[in-house]
């Protein structure tokens, strides 16, 4: 585990009974260096959005306004959704399994403590 939580954070975690969740997140996701998979995850997003910006500029400057608007609605959105789907294997790497089989208070419909 890393030491990412200062005393004020720990006090809030204790107050709202979320220290176990915070520790689990830190255990599962916390690390001091980027792994190769982390780098791929970050770079893929940066490159995708850079490519989308360039493509948008090309369409905007070379096509009619009507075509550009249609591209934004019916081209850019499906491309972004397709990109998100192709990134699911990397996203699943960060999926957290429930700590217990009991339903959480939020799932049970009562998020209040007391």
N, C-alpha and C. Protein backbone atom coordinates (compact mmCIF):
# COMPACT_ATOMS: atom_id res chain seq x y z
N UNK A 1 0.83 -1.19 0.00
CA UNK A 1 0.00 0.00 0.00
C UNK A 1 0.87 1.25 0.00
N UNK A 2 0.35 2.30 -0.61
CA UNK A 2 1.04 3.58 -0.59
C UNK A 2 0.50 4.39 0.57
N UNK A 3 1.12 5.51 0.82
CA UNK A 3 0.68 6.37 1.92
C UNK A 3 0.09 7.65 1.33
N UNK A 4 -1.09 7.55 0.72
CA UNK A 4 -1.69 8.68 0.03
C UNK A 4 -2.67 9.46 0.91
N UNK A 5 -3.07 8.92 2.03
CA UNK A 5 -4.08 9.57 2.85
C UNK A 5 -3.44 10.28 4.03
N UNK A 6 -3.71 11.57 4.18
CA UNK A 6 -3.20 12.29 5.34
C UNK A 6 -4.19 12.16 6.49
N UNK A 7 -3.84 12.69 7.64
CA UNK A 7 -4.64 12.49 8.85
C UNK A 7 -6.07 13.01 8.70
N UNK A 8 -6.25 14.15 8.02
CA UNK A 8 -7.59 14.68 7.81
C UNK A 8 -8.46 13.75 6.98
N UNK A 9 -7.85 13.14 5.96
CA UNK A 9 -8.59 12.18 5.14
C UNK A 9 -8.98 10.97 5.98
N UNK A 10 -8.04 10.50 6.80
CA UNK A 10 -8.33 9.33 7.65
C UNK A 10 -9.46 9.64 8.63
N UNK A 11 -9.50 10.84 9.16
CA UNK A 11 -10.58 11.21 10.09
C UNK A 11 -11.93 11.17 9.38
N UNK A 12 -11.98 11.69 8.15
CA UNK A 12 -13.23 11.64 7.39
C UNK A 12 -13.61 10.20 7.05
N UNK A 13 -12.62 9.39 6.70
CA UNK A 13 -12.90 7.98 6.40
C UNK A 13 -13.47 7.28 7.63
N UNK A 14 -12.92 7.57 8.80
CA UNK A 14 -13.44 6.96 10.03
C UNK A 14 -14.84 7.47 10.35
N UNK A 15 -15.06 8.76 10.11
CA UNK A 15 -16.37 9.36 10.40
C UNK A 15 -17.46 8.73 9.53
N UNK A 16 -17.15 8.48 8.26
CA UNK A 16 -18.13 7.93 7.33
C UNK A 16 -17.94 6.44 7.09
N UNK A 17 -17.15 5.81 7.92
CA UNK A 17 -16.94 4.36 7.85
C UNK A 17 -16.51 3.92 6.45
N UNK A 18 -15.54 4.63 5.90
CA UNK A 18 -15.07 4.30 4.55
C UNK A 18 -13.57 4.00 4.50
N UNK A 19 -12.95 3.81 5.67
CA UNK A 19 -11.52 3.53 5.69
C UNK A 19 -11.22 2.22 4.97
N UNK A 20 -12.05 1.22 5.18
CA UNK A 20 -11.82 -0.07 4.53
C UNK A 20 -11.88 0.06 3.00
N UNK A 21 -12.83 0.83 2.51
CA UNK A 21 -12.93 1.07 1.07
C UNK A 21 -11.69 1.81 0.56
N UNK A 22 -11.27 2.85 1.28
CA UNK A 22 -10.10 3.61 0.87
C UNK A 22 -8.86 2.73 0.87
N UNK A 23 -8.71 1.90 1.88
CA UNK A 23 -7.56 1.00 1.93
C UNK A 23 -7.60 -0.01 0.79
N UNK A 24 -8.78 -0.49 0.46
CA UNK A 24 -8.92 -1.45 -0.64
C UNK A 24 -8.57 -0.79 -1.97
N UNK A 25 -9.05 0.44 -2.17
CA UNK A 25 -8.70 1.16 -3.39
C UNK A 25 -7.19 1.39 -3.49
N UNK A 26 -6.60 1.80 -2.38
CA UNK A 26 -5.16 2.03 -2.37
C UNK A 26 -4.39 0.73 -2.61
N UNK A 27 -4.87 -0.35 -2.01
CA UNK A 27 -4.22 -1.65 -2.20
C UNK A 27 -4.30 -2.10 -3.66
N UNK A 28 -5.44 -1.89 -4.25
CA UNK A 28 -5.67 -2.39 -5.61
C UNK A 28 -5.09 -1.46 -6.68
N UNK A 29 -5.22 -0.16 -6.47
CA UNK A 29 -4.85 0.79 -7.52
C UNK A 29 -3.59 1.59 -7.22
N UNK A 30 -3.21 1.68 -5.97
CA UNK A 30 -2.08 2.52 -5.60
C UNK A 30 -0.75 1.91 -6.00
N UNK A 31 0.08 2.72 -6.60
CA UNK A 31 1.45 2.31 -6.92
C UNK A 31 2.28 3.57 -7.14
N UNK A 32 3.58 3.44 -6.99
CA UNK A 32 4.44 4.62 -7.06
C UNK A 32 4.98 4.86 -8.47
N UNK A 33 4.87 3.89 -9.37
CA UNK A 33 5.35 4.04 -10.74
C UNK A 33 4.29 3.56 -11.71
N UNK A 34 4.33 4.11 -12.92
CA UNK A 34 3.43 3.65 -13.95
C UNK A 34 3.95 2.35 -14.53
N UNK A 35 3.08 1.37 -14.66
CA UNK A 35 3.43 0.11 -15.32
C UNK A 35 3.25 0.30 -16.83
N UNK A 36 3.71 -0.66 -17.60
CA UNK A 36 3.57 -0.58 -19.06
C UNK A 36 2.10 -0.51 -19.45
N UNK A 37 1.24 -1.24 -18.73
CA UNK A 37 -0.20 -1.21 -19.03
C UNK A 37 -0.78 0.16 -18.74
N UNK A 38 -0.32 0.80 -17.65
CA UNK A 38 -0.78 2.15 -17.32
C UNK A 38 -0.38 3.12 -18.42
N UNK A 39 0.83 2.99 -18.87
CA UNK A 39 1.33 3.88 -19.94
C UNK A 39 0.50 3.70 -21.20
N UNK A 40 0.21 2.45 -21.56
CA UNK A 40 -0.61 2.18 -22.76
C UNK A 40 -2.00 2.78 -22.60
N UNK A 41 -2.57 2.66 -21.40
CA UNK A 41 -3.89 3.20 -21.11
C UNK A 41 -3.92 4.71 -21.31
N UNK A 42 -2.93 5.40 -20.77
CA UNK A 42 -2.87 6.86 -20.85
C UNK A 42 -2.55 7.31 -22.27
N UNK A 43 -1.56 6.70 -22.88
CA UNK A 43 -1.16 7.12 -24.22
C UNK A 43 -2.26 6.89 -25.25
N UNK A 44 -3.00 5.80 -25.11
CA UNK A 44 -4.07 5.54 -26.08
C UNK A 44 -5.11 6.65 -26.05
N UNK A 45 -5.43 7.14 -24.89
CA UNK A 45 -6.40 8.22 -24.79
C UNK A 45 -5.86 9.51 -25.38
N UNK A 46 -4.64 9.83 -25.04
CA UNK A 46 -4.04 11.07 -25.56
C UNK A 46 -3.97 11.03 -27.08
N UNK A 47 -3.53 9.92 -27.63
CA UNK A 47 -3.41 9.82 -29.08
C UNK A 47 -4.78 9.85 -29.76
N UNK A 48 -5.76 9.19 -29.15
CA UNK A 48 -7.10 9.19 -29.75
C UNK A 48 -7.66 10.60 -29.82
N UNK A 49 -7.60 11.32 -28.71
CA UNK A 49 -8.19 12.66 -28.71
C UNK A 49 -7.39 13.64 -29.55
N UNK A 50 -6.10 13.45 -29.66
CA UNK A 50 -5.31 14.27 -30.58
C UNK A 50 -5.74 13.98 -32.02
N UNK A 51 -5.89 12.72 -32.36
CA UNK A 51 -6.34 12.35 -33.71
C UNK A 51 -7.74 12.90 -33.99
N UNK A 52 -8.62 12.85 -33.00
CA UNK A 52 -9.97 13.39 -33.19
C UNK A 52 -9.92 14.90 -33.40
N UNK A 53 -9.04 15.59 -32.70
CA UNK A 53 -8.93 17.04 -32.87
C UNK A 53 -8.42 17.38 -34.27
N UNK A 54 -7.44 16.63 -34.74
CA UNK A 54 -6.91 16.86 -36.09
C UNK A 54 -7.98 16.56 -37.14
N UNK A 55 -8.67 15.44 -36.97
CA UNK A 55 -9.74 15.08 -37.91
C UNK A 55 -10.83 16.14 -37.92
N UNK A 56 -11.20 16.65 -36.75
CA UNK A 56 -12.21 17.70 -36.67
C UNK A 56 -11.76 18.95 -37.42
N UNK A 57 -10.50 19.33 -37.24
CA UNK A 57 -9.98 20.50 -37.94
C UNK A 57 -10.01 20.30 -39.46
N UNK A 58 -9.62 19.13 -39.91
CA UNK A 58 -9.62 18.85 -41.35
C UNK A 58 -11.02 18.93 -41.91
N UNK A 59 -11.98 18.29 -41.24
CA UNK A 59 -13.37 18.32 -41.72
C UNK A 59 -13.92 19.73 -41.66
N UNK A 60 -13.65 20.44 -40.58
CA UNK A 60 -14.17 21.81 -40.42
C UNK A 60 -13.65 22.74 -41.50
N UNK A 61 -12.37 22.61 -41.84
CA UNK A 61 -11.76 23.54 -42.79
C UNK A 61 -11.97 23.16 -44.26
N UNK A 62 -12.32 21.90 -44.52
CA UNK A 62 -12.42 21.49 -45.92
C UNK A 62 -13.85 21.17 -46.37
N UNK A 63 -14.79 21.10 -45.46
CA UNK A 63 -16.16 20.71 -45.81
C UNK A 63 -17.13 21.82 -45.45
N UNK A 64 -18.36 21.66 -45.90
CA UNK A 64 -19.41 22.64 -45.59
C UNK A 64 -19.78 22.53 -44.11
N UNK A 65 -20.43 23.58 -43.63
CA UNK A 65 -20.87 23.59 -42.23
C UNK A 65 -21.86 22.46 -41.97
N UNK A 66 -22.76 22.21 -42.90
CA UNK A 66 -23.73 21.13 -42.73
C UNK A 66 -23.03 19.77 -42.62
N UNK A 67 -22.05 19.55 -43.46
CA UNK A 67 -21.31 18.29 -43.40
C UNK A 67 -20.55 18.18 -42.08
N UNK A 68 -19.94 19.29 -41.65
CA UNK A 68 -19.18 19.28 -40.40
C UNK A 68 -20.09 18.96 -39.20
N UNK A 69 -21.27 19.57 -39.19
CA UNK A 69 -22.22 19.31 -38.10
C UNK A 69 -22.65 17.85 -38.12
N UNK A 70 -22.92 17.32 -39.29
CA UNK A 70 -23.30 15.91 -39.41
C UNK A 70 -22.15 15.01 -38.97
N UNK A 71 -20.92 15.37 -39.32
CA UNK A 71 -19.76 14.60 -38.88
C UNK A 71 -19.65 14.59 -37.37
N UNK A 72 -19.86 15.75 -36.74
CA UNK A 72 -19.78 15.82 -35.28
C UNK A 72 -20.83 14.93 -34.63
N UNK A 73 -22.04 14.91 -35.20
CA UNK A 73 -23.13 14.13 -34.61
C UNK A 73 -23.06 12.65 -34.96
N UNK A 74 -22.78 12.36 -36.20
CA UNK A 74 -22.88 10.96 -36.65
C UNK A 74 -21.53 10.31 -36.98
N UNK A 75 -20.45 11.06 -36.82
CA UNK A 75 -19.13 10.51 -37.06
C UNK A 75 -18.28 10.48 -35.80
N UNK A 76 -18.17 11.62 -35.15
CA UNK A 76 -17.31 11.72 -33.98
C UNK A 76 -17.85 10.91 -32.80
N UNK A 77 -19.13 10.95 -32.58
CA UNK A 77 -19.71 10.21 -31.45
C UNK A 77 -19.55 8.70 -31.62
N UNK A 78 -19.90 8.13 -32.78
CA UNK A 78 -19.66 6.69 -32.95
C UNK A 78 -18.17 6.32 -32.86
N UNK A 79 -17.30 7.18 -33.38
CA UNK A 79 -15.87 6.90 -33.26
C UNK A 79 -15.43 6.86 -31.80
N UNK A 80 -15.93 7.79 -31.01
CA UNK A 80 -15.59 7.83 -29.59
C UNK A 80 -16.15 6.61 -28.88
N UNK A 81 -17.37 6.23 -29.19
CA UNK A 81 -17.96 5.04 -28.57
C UNK A 81 -17.18 3.78 -28.96
N UNK A 82 -16.81 3.69 -30.23
CA UNK A 82 -16.02 2.55 -30.68
C UNK A 82 -14.68 2.49 -29.97
N UNK A 83 -14.05 3.65 -29.80
CA UNK A 83 -12.79 3.69 -29.07
C UNK A 83 -12.97 3.21 -27.64
N UNK A 84 -14.03 3.66 -26.98
CA UNK A 84 -14.28 3.24 -25.60
C UNK A 84 -14.45 1.73 -25.50
N UNK A 85 -15.15 1.14 -26.47
CA UNK A 85 -15.36 -0.31 -26.46
C UNK A 85 -14.02 -1.04 -26.63
N UNK A 86 -13.17 -0.53 -27.49
CA UNK A 86 -11.88 -1.20 -27.70
C UNK A 86 -10.96 -1.06 -26.49
N UNK A 87 -11.25 -0.13 -25.60
CA UNK A 87 -10.42 0.07 -24.41
C UNK A 87 -10.88 -0.74 -23.20
N UNK A 88 -11.96 -1.48 -23.34
CA UNK A 88 -12.50 -2.23 -22.21
C UNK A 88 -11.50 -3.20 -21.57
N UNK A 89 -10.66 -3.90 -22.31
CA UNK A 89 -9.69 -4.77 -21.63
C UNK A 89 -8.76 -4.01 -20.68
N UNK A 90 -8.35 -2.80 -21.07
CA UNK A 90 -7.51 -2.01 -20.17
C UNK A 90 -8.32 -1.48 -19.00
N UNK A 91 -9.56 -1.09 -19.25
CA UNK A 91 -10.40 -0.56 -18.18
C UNK A 91 -10.72 -1.65 -17.16
N UNK A 92 -10.95 -2.86 -17.63
CA UNK A 92 -11.28 -3.97 -16.71
C UNK A 92 -10.14 -4.28 -15.75
N UNK A 93 -8.93 -3.90 -16.12
CA UNK A 93 -7.79 -4.15 -15.23
C UNK A 93 -8.01 -3.47 -13.87
N UNK A 94 -8.74 -2.36 -13.85
CA UNK A 94 -8.95 -1.59 -12.63
C UNK A 94 -10.27 -1.91 -11.93
N UNK A 95 -10.96 -2.92 -12.40
CA UNK A 95 -12.23 -3.31 -11.81
C UNK A 95 -12.00 -3.84 -10.40
N UNK A 96 -12.80 -3.37 -9.45
CA UNK A 96 -12.69 -3.83 -8.07
C UNK A 96 -13.80 -4.82 -7.77
N UNK A 97 -13.44 -5.95 -7.22
CA UNK A 97 -14.44 -6.92 -6.77
C UNK A 97 -14.99 -6.46 -5.43
N UNK A 98 -16.24 -6.76 -5.11
CA UNK A 98 -16.79 -6.39 -3.82
C UNK A 98 -16.00 -7.05 -2.69
N UNK A 99 -15.85 -6.32 -1.58
CA UNK A 99 -15.10 -6.85 -0.44
C UNK A 99 -15.87 -7.97 0.25
N UNK A 100 -17.20 -7.93 0.17
CA UNK A 100 -18.00 -8.98 0.80
C UNK A 100 -19.21 -9.27 -0.07
N UNK A 101 -19.91 -10.32 0.27
CA UNK A 101 -21.10 -10.69 -0.49
C UNK A 101 -22.35 -9.94 -0.02
N UNK A 102 -22.25 -9.27 1.12
CA UNK A 102 -23.39 -8.52 1.63
C UNK A 102 -23.59 -7.27 0.79
N UNK A 103 -24.83 -6.88 0.59
CA UNK A 103 -25.12 -5.68 -0.17
C UNK A 103 -24.67 -4.46 0.62
N UNK A 104 -24.09 -3.51 -0.07
CA UNK A 104 -23.70 -2.28 0.61
C UNK A 104 -24.95 -1.48 0.97
N UNK A 105 -24.77 -0.50 1.83
CA UNK A 105 -25.91 0.33 2.22
C UNK A 105 -26.48 1.07 1.01
N UNK A 106 -25.63 1.50 0.10
CA UNK A 106 -26.12 2.20 -1.09
C UNK A 106 -26.95 1.27 -1.96
N UNK A 107 -26.48 0.03 -2.13
CA UNK A 107 -27.24 -0.93 -2.93
C UNK A 107 -28.55 -1.28 -2.27
N UNK A 108 -28.57 -1.29 -0.95
CA UNK A 108 -29.79 -1.61 -0.21
C UNK A 108 -30.75 -0.43 -0.20
N UNK A 109 -30.30 0.74 -0.64
CA UNK A 109 -31.19 1.90 -0.72
C UNK A 109 -31.06 2.85 0.44
N UNK A 110 -30.25 2.54 1.45
CA UNK A 110 -30.09 3.41 2.59
C UNK A 110 -28.63 3.84 2.68
N UNK A 111 -28.37 5.08 2.31
CA UNK A 111 -27.00 5.57 2.32
C UNK A 111 -26.68 6.32 3.60
N UNK A 112 -27.66 6.44 4.48
CA UNK A 112 -27.44 7.13 5.76
C UNK A 112 -26.91 6.14 6.78
N UNK A 113 -26.03 6.62 7.62
CA UNK A 113 -25.56 5.83 8.76
C UNK A 113 -26.35 6.29 9.96
N UNK A 114 -26.67 5.38 10.81
CA UNK A 114 -27.30 5.85 12.03
C UNK A 114 -28.39 5.01 12.51
